């Protein structure tokens, strides 16, 4: 009784050992209602596993966001090249100044420094 009340292992292990002499039991078995101690141990292990998965997903998201930023920069570069080919020198300079101004405004709103 004392082990059942004060112990920290599976409650079914203690009961089966005392009542049936079964010494090979290790925790609650599949198909049984889980005892409080095994449930708590499973929840704690599950929480740790979920936390690790969340960290992995967050790292994946950061990687994807960086890739997207790179692709967007590539697209902007291609668009700039295409527009540059279609424009004369004065138009390119005007377009470049306008694009720089818009980028700086967007950067300020996003809290980034333009570095220009």
C-alpha atoms as a PDB file:
ATOM      1  CA  UNK A   1       0.000   0.000   0.000  1.00  0.00           C
ATOM      2  CA  UNK A   2       2.781   2.389   0.928  1.00  0.00           C
ATOM      3  CA  UNK A   3       4.448   1.973  -2.480  1.00  0.00           C
ATOM      4  CA  UNK A   4       1.135   2.626  -4.222  1.00  0.00           C
ATOM      5  CA  UNK A   5       0.584   5.859  -2.288  1.00  0.00           C
ATOM      6  CA  UNK A   6       4.127   7.206  -2.011  1.00  0.00           C
ATOM      7  CA  UNK A   7       5.777   5.711  -5.087  1.00  0.00           C
ATOM      8  CA  UNK A   8       6.463   7.569  -8.281  1.00  0.00           C
ATOM      9  CA  UNK A   9       6.150   4.740 -10.817  1.00  0.00           C
ATOM     10  CA  UNK A  10       3.148   3.181 -12.515  1.00  0.00           C
ATOM     11  CA  UNK A  11       0.292   2.508 -10.117  1.00  0.00           C
ATOM     12  CA  UNK A  12      -0.834  -0.559 -12.128  1.00  0.00           C
ATOM     13  CA  UNK A  13       2.635  -2.112 -11.772  1.00  0.00           C
ATOM     14  CA  UNK A  14       2.319  -1.961  -7.996  1.00  0.00           C
ATOM     15  CA  UNK A  15      -1.240  -3.353  -7.996  1.00  0.00           C
ATOM     16  CA  UNK A  16      -0.502  -6.215 -10.412  1.00  0.00           C
ATOM     17  CA  UNK A  17       2.632  -7.177  -8.509  1.00  0.00           C
ATOM     18  CA  UNK A  18       0.758  -7.244  -5.185  1.00  0.00           C
ATOM     19  CA  UNK A  19      -2.422  -8.937  -6.440  1.00  0.00           C
ATOM     20  CA  UNK A  20      -1.213 -11.272  -9.209  1.00  0.00           C
ATOM     21  CA  UNK A  21       2.496 -11.610  -8.477  1.00  0.00           C
ATOM     22  CA  UNK A  22       3.187 -10.260 -11.958  1.00  0.00           C
ATOM     23  CA  UNK A  23       6.732  -8.902 -11.949  1.00  0.00           C
ATOM     24  CA  UNK A  24       7.192  -8.282 -15.693  1.00  0.00           C
ATOM     25  CA  UNK A  25       4.853  -5.333 -16.005  1.00  0.00           C
ATOM     26  CA  UNK A  26       6.365  -1.975 -17.052  1.00  0.00           C
ATOM     27  CA  UNK A  27       3.781   0.802 -16.996  1.00  0.00           C
ATOM     28  CA  UNK A  28       0.209   0.870 -18.197  1.00  0.00           C
ATOM     29  CA  UNK A  29      -0.404  -1.382 -21.166  1.00  0.00           C
ATOM     30  CA  UNK A  30      -2.080  -0.673 -24.476  1.00  0.00           C
ATOM     31  CA  UNK A  31      -5.866  -0.795 -24.270  1.00  0.00           C
ATOM     32  CA  UNK A  32      -5.983   0.103 -20.564  1.00  0.00           C
ATOM     33  CA  UNK A  33      -6.963   3.386 -19.018  1.00  0.00           C
ATOM     34  CA  UNK A  34      -3.696   5.104 -18.167  1.00  0.00           C
ATOM     35  CA  UNK A  35      -3.003   5.663 -14.462  1.00  0.00           C
ATOM     36  CA  UNK A  36      -2.383   9.197 -13.205  1.00  0.00           C
ATOM     37  CA  UNK A  37       1.374   8.759 -12.924  1.00  0.00           C
ATOM     38  CA  UNK A  38       1.827   7.310 -16.421  1.00  0.00           C
ATOM     39  CA  UNK A  39      -0.477   9.983 -17.807  1.00  0.00           C
ATOM     40  CA  UNK A  40       1.578  12.712 -16.152  1.00  0.00           C
ATOM     41  CA  UNK A  41       4.835  11.170 -17.375  1.00  0.00           C
ATOM     42  CA  UNK A  42       3.396  10.921 -20.903  1.00  0.00           C
ATOM     43  CA  UNK A  43       2.139  14.485 -20.845  1.00  0.00           C
ATOM     44  CA  UNK A  44       5.516  15.792 -19.722  1.00  0.00           C
ATOM     45  CA  UNK A  45       7.299  13.801 -22.423  1.00  0.00           C
ATOM     46  CA  UNK A  46       4.724  14.900 -24.976  1.00  0.00           C
ATOM     47  CA  UNK A  47       5.127  18.560 -24.062  1.00  0.00           C
ATOM     48  CA  UNK A  48       8.892  18.331 -24.465  1.00  0.00           C
ATOM     49  CA  UNK A  49       8.447  16.662 -27.853  1.00  0.00           C
ATOM     50  CA  UNK A  50       5.968  19.277 -29.009  1.00  0.00           C
ATOM     51  CA  UNK A  51       8.259  22.090 -27.864  1.00  0.00           C
ATOM     52  CA  UNK A  52      11.122  20.592 -29.870  1.00  0.00           C
ATOM     53  CA  UNK A  53       8.861  20.278 -32.930  1.00  0.00           C
ATOM     54  CA  UNK A  54       7.757  23.907 -32.575  1.00  0.00           C
ATOM     55  CA  UNK A  55      11.386  25.061 -32.449  1.00  0.00           C
ATOM     56  CA  UNK A  56      12.111  23.075 -35.602  1.00  0.00           C
ATOM     57  CA  UNK A  57       9.113  24.531 -37.399  1.00  0.00           C
ATOM     58  CA  UNK A  58      10.069  28.063 -36.340  1.00  0.00           C
ATOM     59  CA  UNK A  59      13.567  27.527 -37.746  1.00  0.00           C
ATOM     60  CA  UNK A  60      12.043  26.210 -40.980  1.00  0.00           C
ATOM     61  CA  UNK A  61       9.768  29.256 -41.211  1.00  0.00           C
ATOM     62  CA  UNK A  62      12.723  31.603 -40.741  1.00  0.00           C
ATOM     63  CA  UNK A  63      14.590  29.782 -43.502  1.00  0.00           C
ATOM     64  CA  UNK A  64      11.625  29.993 -45.857  1.00  0.00           C
ATOM     65  CA  UNK A  65      11.158  33.690 -45.077  1.00  0.00           C
ATOM     66  CA  UNK A  66      14.821  34.324 -45.921  1.00  0.00           C
ATOM     67  CA  UNK A  67      14.399  32.413 -49.190  1.00  0.00           C
ATOM     68  CA  UNK A  68      11.287  34.430 -50.045  1.00  0.00           C
ATOM     69  CA  UNK A  69      13.140  37.677 -49.388  1.00  0.00           C
ATOM     70  CA  UNK A  70      15.929  36.507 -51.679  1.00  0.00           C
ATOM     71  CA  UNK A  71      13.493  35.579 -54.429  1.00  0.00           C
ATOM     72  CA  UNK A  72      11.677  38.903 -54.067  1.00  0.00           C
ATOM     73  CA  UNK A  73      15.008  40.722 -54.368  1.00  0.00           C
ATOM     74  CA  UNK A  74      15.815  38.693 -57.492  1.00  0.00           C
ATOM     75  CA  UNK A  75      12.431  39.541 -58.999  1.00  0.00           C
ATOM     76  CA  UNK A  76      12.912  43.222 -58.235  1.00  0.00           C
ATOM     77  CA  UNK A  77      16.323  43.076 -59.870  1.00  0.00           C
ATOM     78  CA  UNK A  78      14.952  41.441 -62.991  1.00  0.00           C
ATOM     79  CA  UNK A  79      12.085  43.923 -63.147  1.00  0.00           C
ATOM     80  CA  UNK A  80      14.549  46.777 -62.734  1.00  0.00           C
ATOM     81  CA  UNK A  81      16.695  45.407 -65.543  1.00  0.00           C
ATOM     82  CA  UNK A  82      13.658  45.032 -67.787  1.00  0.00           C
ATOM     83  CA  UNK A  83      12.476  48.548 -67.035  1.00  0.00           C
ATOM     84  CA  UNK A  84      16.011  49.863 -67.450  1.00  0.00           C
ATOM     85  CA  UNK A  85      16.227  48.368 -70.927  1.00  0.00           C
ATOM     86  CA  UNK A  86      12.978  50.077 -71.875  1.00  0.00           C
ATOM     87  CA  UNK A  87      13.940  53.488 -70.462  1.00  0.00           C
ATOM     88  CA  UNK A  88      16.405  56.102 -71.473  1.00  0.00           C
ATOM     89  CA  UNK A  89      19.105  57.302 -69.067  1.00  0.00           C
ATOM     90  CA  UNK A  90      17.033  60.152 -67.570  1.00  0.00           C
ATOM     91  CA  UNK A  91      14.036  57.887 -67.070  1.00  0.00           C
ATOM     92  CA  UNK A  92      16.250  55.248 -65.375  1.00  0.00           C
ATOM     93  CA  UNK A  93      17.647  57.805 -62.964  1.00  0.00           C
ATOM     94  CA  UNK A  94      14.162  59.071 -62.149  1.00  0.00           C
ATOM     95  CA  UNK A  95      12.866  55.518 -61.709  1.00  0.00           C
ATOM     96  CA  UNK A  96      15.866  54.615 -59.499  1.00  0.00           C
ATOM     97  CA  UNK A  97      15.324  57.652 -57.283  1.00  0.00           C
ATOM     98  CA  UNK A  98      11.591  56.898 -56.964  1.00  0.00           C
ATOM     99  CA  UNK A  99      12.251  53.240 -56.192  1.00  0.00           C
ATOM    100  CA  UNK A 100      14.872  54.166 -53.584  1.00  0.00           C
ATOM    101  CA  UNK A 101      12.512  56.672 -51.977  1.00  0.00           C
ATOM    102  CA  UNK A 102       9.688  54.085 -51.779  1.00  0.00           C
ATOM    103  CA  UNK A 103      12.050  51.451 -50.367  1.00  0.00           C
ATOM    104  CA  UNK A 104      13.303  53.876 -47.715  1.00  0.00           C
ATOM    105  CA  UNK A 105       9.707  54.740 -46.715  1.00  0.00           C
ATOM    106  CA  UNK A 106       8.798  51.063 -46.462  1.00  0.00           C
ATOM    107  CA  UNK A 107      11.960  50.389 -44.466  1.00  0.00           C
ATOM    108  CA  UNK A 108      11.138  53.178 -42.009  1.00  0.00           C
ATOM    109  CA  UNK A 109       7.631  51.780 -41.542  1.00  0.00           C
ATOM    110  CA  UNK A 110       9.093  48.325 -40.964  1.00  0.00           C
ATOM    111  CA  UNK A 111      11.751  49.691 -38.600  1.00  0.00           C
ATOM    112  CA  UNK A 112      14.715  48.880 -40.826  1.00  0.00           C
ATOM    113  CA  UNK A 113      17.591  51.199 -41.592  1.00  0.00           C
ATOM    114  CA  UNK A 114      18.075  51.842 -45.291  1.00  0.00           C
ATOM    115  CA  UNK A 115      21.872  51.871 -45.106  1.00  0.00           C
ATOM    116  CA  UNK A 116      21.948  54.130 -48.156  1.00  0.00           C
END
